[in-house]
Structures are given as C-alpha cells and as structure tokens.
C-alpha cells in the first residue's frame, strides 16, 4: 500500500497510522480489529492509539456492534478540523510537486 502524504510527513507510529486511516475513511466507524487489520498495526497498539486520540478529542466511541466497540473521527472537534485541513494541504502539496516534476520531464 502506498503511504499517504500524512504518513510521509509525520511517520509511521501507531497513532499516526490510526489517525491517517480515520482521516481518510471518516464516514464510517470501525472496531479495533478492523483498524488493526487495515493499518497493519498490532491490536494493543491500536487500542492505545485510540485512547490517546480520544483524550485529545479527535476520535470518539460511536456504538457497540456485538461485543466490539466502534470508533470514528470526531468531525466536530476543533483539533480534528485542523488535522483535516493539514491533511488536505499536505496532499495538495505532494500532488503539486509531482505535477511540477512531470512537467519538467516533458
């Protein structure tokens, strides 16, 4: 899987990988197991990352599905709004740089 611009800039720590996943797929809620699988991060690391992100108001618990607690990005949080803007600007920066490289090659 290709690394996102967010991960390229901030690294591949469990918190960043979980945050990047939830920023990218912000329309749904996910269990720890789903996030663990999609981010290729250990279950325990995802659980710790979620606790941290919840404490910052970036992620929220949504509902239970069977025994699994589901989580999603807290889109109303001020910090989340800033992170989404940073994510958007980083993506635009990398796209524009790639386009400049493509133009210079031709």
N, C-alpha and C. Protein backbone atom coordinates (compact mmCIF):
# COMPACT_ATOMS: atom_id res chain seq x y z
N UNK A 1 0.84 -1.18 0.00
CA UNK A 1 0.00 0.00 0.00
C UNK A 1 0.88 1.25 0.00
N UNK A 2 0.54 2.21 -0.82
CA UNK A 2 1.30 3.45 -0.91
C UNK A 2 1.03 4.30 0.31
N UNK A 3 2.07 4.95 0.82
CA UNK A 3 1.94 5.77 2.01
C UNK A 3 1.26 7.09 1.66
N UNK A 4 0.40 7.53 2.56
CA UNK A 4 -0.27 8.81 2.36
C UNK A 4 0.71 9.95 2.65
N UNK A 5 0.36 11.13 2.21
CA UNK A 5 1.21 12.30 2.47
C UNK A 5 1.30 12.55 3.97
N UNK A 6 0.22 12.28 4.71
CA UNK A 6 0.20 12.47 6.15
C UNK A 6 1.25 11.57 6.82
N UNK A 7 1.30 10.31 6.43
CA UNK A 7 2.27 9.36 6.98
C UNK A 7 3.69 9.70 6.52
N UNK A 8 3.84 10.13 5.28
CA UNK A 8 5.16 10.52 4.78
C UNK A 8 5.77 11.65 5.61
N UNK A 9 4.93 12.58 6.06
CA UNK A 9 5.42 13.73 6.82
C UNK A 9 5.58 13.40 8.30
N UNK A 10 4.61 12.72 8.89
CA UNK A 10 4.59 12.53 10.34
C UNK A 10 5.09 11.18 10.82
N UNK A 11 5.36 10.26 9.90
CA UNK A 11 5.92 8.97 10.29
C UNK A 11 4.89 7.87 10.41
N UNK A 12 5.38 6.69 10.80
CA UNK A 12 4.52 5.51 10.84
C UNK A 12 4.30 4.98 12.25
N UNK A 13 4.15 5.88 13.20
CA UNK A 13 3.83 5.43 14.56
C UNK A 13 2.39 4.92 14.57
N UNK A 14 2.03 4.09 15.53
CA UNK A 14 0.65 3.62 15.60
C UNK A 14 -0.37 4.76 15.65
N UNK A 15 -0.09 5.80 16.41
CA UNK A 15 -1.04 6.92 16.50
C UNK A 15 -1.23 7.56 15.13
N UNK A 16 -0.16 7.79 14.41
CA UNK A 16 -0.25 8.42 13.09
C UNK A 16 -0.96 7.50 12.10
N UNK A 17 -0.65 6.22 12.13
CA UNK A 17 -1.31 5.28 11.20
C UNK A 17 -2.81 5.19 11.47
N UNK A 18 -3.20 5.15 12.74
CA UNK A 18 -4.62 5.11 13.08
C UNK A 18 -5.29 6.43 12.70
N UNK A 19 -4.66 7.54 13.03
CA UNK A 19 -5.21 8.85 12.68
C UNK A 19 -5.36 9.00 11.17
N UNK A 20 -4.35 8.61 10.43
CA UNK A 20 -4.40 8.70 8.98
C UNK A 20 -5.55 7.86 8.42
N UNK A 21 -5.71 6.65 8.93
CA UNK A 21 -6.80 5.79 8.48
C UNK A 21 -8.15 6.44 8.75
N UNK A 22 -8.34 6.97 9.95
CA UNK A 22 -9.63 7.57 10.30
C UNK A 22 -9.86 8.89 9.56
N UNK A 23 -8.80 9.64 9.27
CA UNK A 23 -8.95 10.85 8.46
C UNK A 23 -9.37 10.49 7.03
N UNK A 24 -8.80 9.42 6.51
CA UNK A 24 -9.08 9.01 5.14
C UNK A 24 -10.48 8.42 5.00
N UNK A 25 -10.88 7.61 5.96
CA UNK A 25 -12.18 6.92 5.89
C UNK A 25 -13.08 7.43 7.01
N UNK A 26 -13.38 8.73 6.96
CA UNK A 26 -14.06 9.40 8.07
C UNK A 26 -15.58 9.30 8.06
N UNK A 27 -16.15 8.60 7.09
CA UNK A 27 -17.61 8.49 7.01
C UNK A 27 -18.17 7.32 7.81
N UNK A 28 -17.32 6.44 8.28
CA UNK A 28 -17.78 5.23 8.95
C UNK A 28 -17.10 5.06 10.29
N UNK A 29 -17.64 4.15 11.09
CA UNK A 29 -17.00 3.80 12.35
C UNK A 29 -16.41 2.40 12.24
N UNK A 30 -15.38 2.14 13.03
CA UNK A 30 -14.61 0.91 12.89
C UNK A 30 -14.28 0.32 14.25
N UNK A 31 -14.14 -0.99 14.30
CA UNK A 31 -13.70 -1.68 15.51
C UNK A 31 -12.18 -1.64 15.57
N UNK A 32 -11.64 -1.95 16.74
CA UNK A 32 -10.19 -2.02 16.89
C UNK A 32 -9.62 -3.07 15.93
N UNK A 33 -10.31 -4.20 15.80
CA UNK A 33 -9.86 -5.26 14.90
C UNK A 33 -9.78 -4.79 13.46
N UNK A 34 -10.80 -4.05 13.01
CA UNK A 34 -10.80 -3.54 11.63
C UNK A 34 -9.66 -2.55 11.41
N UNK A 35 -9.48 -1.64 12.37
CA UNK A 35 -8.41 -0.64 12.25
C UNK A 35 -7.05 -1.33 12.27
N UNK A 36 -6.92 -2.32 13.14
CA UNK A 36 -5.67 -3.08 13.25
C UNK A 36 -5.32 -3.73 11.92
N UNK A 37 -6.30 -4.37 11.31
CA UNK A 37 -6.09 -5.05 10.02
C UNK A 37 -5.73 -4.05 8.92
N UNK A 38 -6.50 -2.99 8.82
CA UNK A 38 -6.30 -2.02 7.74
C UNK A 38 -5.00 -1.23 7.86
N UNK A 39 -4.56 -1.00 9.09
CA UNK A 39 -3.33 -0.22 9.28
C UNK A 39 -2.11 -1.11 9.50
N UNK A 40 -2.34 -2.42 9.54
CA UNK A 40 -1.27 -3.39 9.79
C UNK A 40 -0.53 -3.03 11.08
N UNK A 41 -1.32 -2.79 12.12
CA UNK A 41 -0.82 -2.39 13.43
C UNK A 41 -1.37 -3.35 14.47
N UNK A 42 -0.56 -3.70 15.45
CA UNK A 42 -1.00 -4.62 16.49
C UNK A 42 -2.23 -4.09 17.21
N UNK A 43 -3.12 -5.03 17.60
CA UNK A 43 -4.37 -4.70 18.27
C UNK A 43 -4.12 -3.80 19.47
N UNK A 44 -3.15 -4.16 20.31
CA UNK A 44 -2.85 -3.40 21.53
C UNK A 44 -2.39 -1.98 21.20
N UNK A 45 -1.62 -1.85 20.13
CA UNK A 45 -1.13 -0.53 19.72
C UNK A 45 -2.28 0.35 19.23
N UNK A 46 -3.22 -0.26 18.51
CA UNK A 46 -4.40 0.47 18.04
C UNK A 46 -5.22 0.93 19.24
N UNK A 47 -5.41 0.02 20.20
CA UNK A 47 -6.18 0.36 21.39
C UNK A 47 -5.55 1.54 22.13
N UNK A 48 -4.24 1.53 22.29
CA UNK A 48 -3.54 2.65 22.95
C UNK A 48 -3.63 3.93 22.13
N UNK A 49 -3.50 3.82 20.83
CA UNK A 49 -3.60 4.99 19.95
C UNK A 49 -4.99 5.61 20.06
N UNK A 50 -6.02 4.76 20.07
CA UNK A 50 -7.39 5.27 20.18
C UNK A 50 -7.61 5.97 21.51
N UNK A 51 -7.10 5.40 22.59
CA UNK A 51 -7.23 6.06 23.91
C UNK A 51 -6.61 7.45 23.86
N UNK A 52 -5.43 7.55 23.26
CA UNK A 52 -4.75 8.84 23.15
C UNK A 52 -5.58 9.82 22.30
N UNK A 53 -6.05 9.36 21.15
CA UNK A 53 -6.81 10.24 20.24
C UNK A 53 -8.14 10.65 20.85
N UNK A 54 -8.75 9.77 21.63
CA UNK A 54 -9.99 10.12 22.33
C UNK A 54 -9.70 11.20 23.37
N UNK A 55 -8.60 11.05 24.09
CA UNK A 55 -8.25 12.04 25.14
C UNK A 55 -8.01 13.43 24.55
N UNK A 56 -7.65 13.50 23.28
CA UNK A 56 -7.42 14.78 22.60
C UNK A 56 -8.66 15.31 21.90
N UNK A 57 -9.75 14.54 21.94
CA UNK A 57 -10.99 14.97 21.29
C UNK A 57 -10.99 14.78 19.78
N UNK A 58 -10.13 13.90 19.27
CA UNK A 58 -10.00 13.69 17.83
C UNK A 58 -10.84 12.50 17.38
N UNK A 59 -10.98 11.52 18.24
CA UNK A 59 -11.74 10.30 17.95
C UNK A 59 -12.80 10.14 19.03
N UNK A 60 -13.91 9.51 18.66
CA UNK A 60 -14.96 9.24 19.64
C UNK A 60 -15.46 7.81 19.49
N UNK A 61 -15.96 7.28 20.59
CA UNK A 61 -16.64 5.99 20.56
C UNK A 61 -18.02 6.26 19.97
N UNK A 62 -18.48 5.34 19.12
CA UNK A 62 -19.78 5.57 18.49
C UNK A 62 -20.86 4.62 19.00
N UNK A 63 -20.62 3.32 18.89
CA UNK A 63 -21.64 2.34 19.25
C UNK A 63 -20.97 1.00 19.47
N UNK A 64 -21.74 0.07 19.96
CA UNK A 64 -21.25 -1.30 20.10
C UNK A 64 -21.93 -2.15 19.04
N UNK A 65 -21.16 -3.04 18.45
CA UNK A 65 -21.66 -3.99 17.48
C UNK A 65 -21.29 -5.36 18.01
N UNK A 66 -22.25 -6.03 18.61
CA UNK A 66 -21.94 -7.26 19.34
C UNK A 66 -21.10 -6.89 20.54
N UNK A 67 -19.94 -7.49 20.65
CA UNK A 67 -19.03 -7.16 21.75
C UNK A 67 -18.02 -6.09 21.38
N UNK A 68 -18.00 -5.71 20.12
CA UNK A 68 -16.98 -4.77 19.63
C UNK A 68 -17.44 -3.32 19.76
N UNK A 69 -16.57 -2.51 20.37
CA UNK A 69 -16.79 -1.07 20.43
C UNK A 69 -16.31 -0.48 19.10
N UNK A 70 -17.08 0.45 18.53
CA UNK A 70 -16.69 1.09 17.28
C UNK A 70 -16.26 2.53 17.55
N UNK A 71 -15.36 3.01 16.68
CA UNK A 71 -14.76 4.33 16.83
C UNK A 71 -14.78 5.05 15.48
N UNK A 72 -14.82 6.37 15.55
CA UNK A 72 -14.69 7.17 14.34
C UNK A 72 -14.11 8.54 14.67
N UNK A 73 -13.72 9.25 13.65
CA UNK A 73 -13.21 10.60 13.80
C UNK A 73 -14.31 11.49 14.38
N UNK A 74 -13.97 12.33 15.33
CA UNK A 74 -14.92 13.30 15.89
C UNK A 74 -14.83 14.55 15.02
N UNK A 75 -15.66 14.60 13.99
CA UNK A 75 -15.57 15.67 13.00
C UNK A 75 -15.92 17.05 13.55
N UNK A 76 -16.57 17.10 14.70
CA UNK A 76 -16.96 18.39 15.29
C UNK A 76 -15.83 19.01 16.12
N UNK A 77 -14.83 18.22 16.46
CA UNK A 77 -13.73 18.72 17.29
C UNK A 77 -12.86 19.73 16.55
N UNK A 78 -12.46 20.77 17.24
CA UNK A 78 -11.63 21.81 16.63
C UNK A 78 -10.28 21.25 16.17
N UNK A 79 -9.68 20.41 16.99
CA UNK A 79 -8.40 19.81 16.62
C UNK A 79 -8.55 18.92 15.39
N UNK A 80 -9.65 18.21 15.31
CA UNK A 80 -9.91 17.36 14.15
C UNK A 80 -10.03 18.20 12.88
N UNK A 81 -10.71 19.31 12.98
CA UNK A 81 -10.87 20.20 11.81
C UNK A 81 -9.50 20.69 11.33
N UNK A 82 -8.63 21.03 12.28
CA UNK A 82 -7.27 21.46 11.92
C UNK A 82 -6.50 20.33 11.25
N UNK A 83 -6.61 19.13 11.81
CA UNK A 83 -5.91 17.98 11.23
C UNK A 83 -6.41 17.66 9.83
N UNK A 84 -7.71 17.78 9.60
CA UNK A 84 -8.25 17.54 8.26
C UNK A 84 -7.71 18.57 7.27
N UNK A 85 -7.60 19.81 7.73
CA UNK A 85 -7.05 20.87 6.87
C UNK A 85 -5.57 20.59 6.56
N UNK A 86 -4.81 20.19 7.56
CA UNK A 86 -3.40 19.85 7.36
C UNK A 86 -3.28 18.68 6.38
N UNK A 87 -4.11 17.66 6.57
CA UNK A 87 -4.10 16.50 5.68
C UNK A 87 -4.38 16.93 4.24
N UNK A 88 -5.39 17.77 4.06
CA UNK A 88 -5.74 18.26 2.73
C UNK A 88 -4.57 19.06 2.11
N UNK A 89 -3.98 19.95 2.89
CA UNK A 89 -2.88 20.77 2.37
C UNK A 89 -1.64 19.95 2.05
N UNK A 90 -1.35 18.96 2.88
CA UNK A 90 -0.21 18.08 2.59
C UNK A 90 -0.44 17.32 1.29
N UNK A 91 -1.63 16.80 1.11
CA UNK A 91 -1.95 16.07 -0.12
C UNK A 91 -1.79 16.98 -1.33
N UNK A 92 -2.31 18.18 -1.21
CA UNK A 92 -2.21 19.15 -2.32
C UNK A 92 -0.74 19.48 -2.61
N UNK A 93 0.06 19.66 -1.56
CA UNK A 93 1.48 19.95 -1.72
C UNK A 93 2.19 18.85 -2.50
N UNK A 94 1.96 17.58 -2.11
CA UNK A 94 2.62 16.46 -2.78
C UNK A 94 2.13 16.30 -4.22
N UNK A 95 0.85 16.52 -4.45
CA UNK A 95 0.30 16.42 -5.81
C UNK A 95 0.91 17.51 -6.69
N UNK A 96 0.95 18.74 -6.19
CA UNK A 96 1.51 19.84 -6.98
C UNK A 96 2.98 19.62 -7.28
N UNK A 97 3.74 19.11 -6.31
CA UNK A 97 5.16 18.82 -6.55
C UNK A 97 5.33 17.73 -7.59
N UNK A 98 4.50 16.71 -7.52
CA UNK A 98 4.58 15.63 -8.51
C UNK A 98 4.23 16.15 -9.90
N UNK A 99 3.24 17.03 -9.98
CA UNK A 99 2.86 17.61 -11.28
C UNK A 99 3.99 18.45 -11.85
N UNK A 100 4.70 19.20 -11.00
CA UNK A 100 5.84 20.01 -11.45
C UNK A 100 6.94 19.10 -12.01
N UNK A 101 7.20 17.99 -11.31
CA UNK A 101 8.21 17.03 -11.79
C UNK A 101 7.82 16.46 -13.14
N UNK A 102 6.54 16.12 -13.29
CA UNK A 102 6.06 15.55 -14.55
C UNK A 102 6.22 16.58 -15.68
N UNK A 103 5.93 17.83 -15.40
CA UNK A 103 6.03 18.89 -16.41
C UNK A 103 7.49 19.10 -16.81
N UNK A 104 8.41 19.05 -15.85
CA UNK A 104 9.82 19.25 -16.14
C UNK A 104 10.41 18.10 -16.96
N UNK A 105 9.85 16.91 -16.83
CA UNK A 105 10.35 15.74 -17.58
C UNK A 105 9.96 15.79 -19.05
N UNK A 106 8.89 16.52 -19.33
CA UNK A 106 8.40 16.52 -20.73
C UNK A 106 8.80 17.74 -21.47
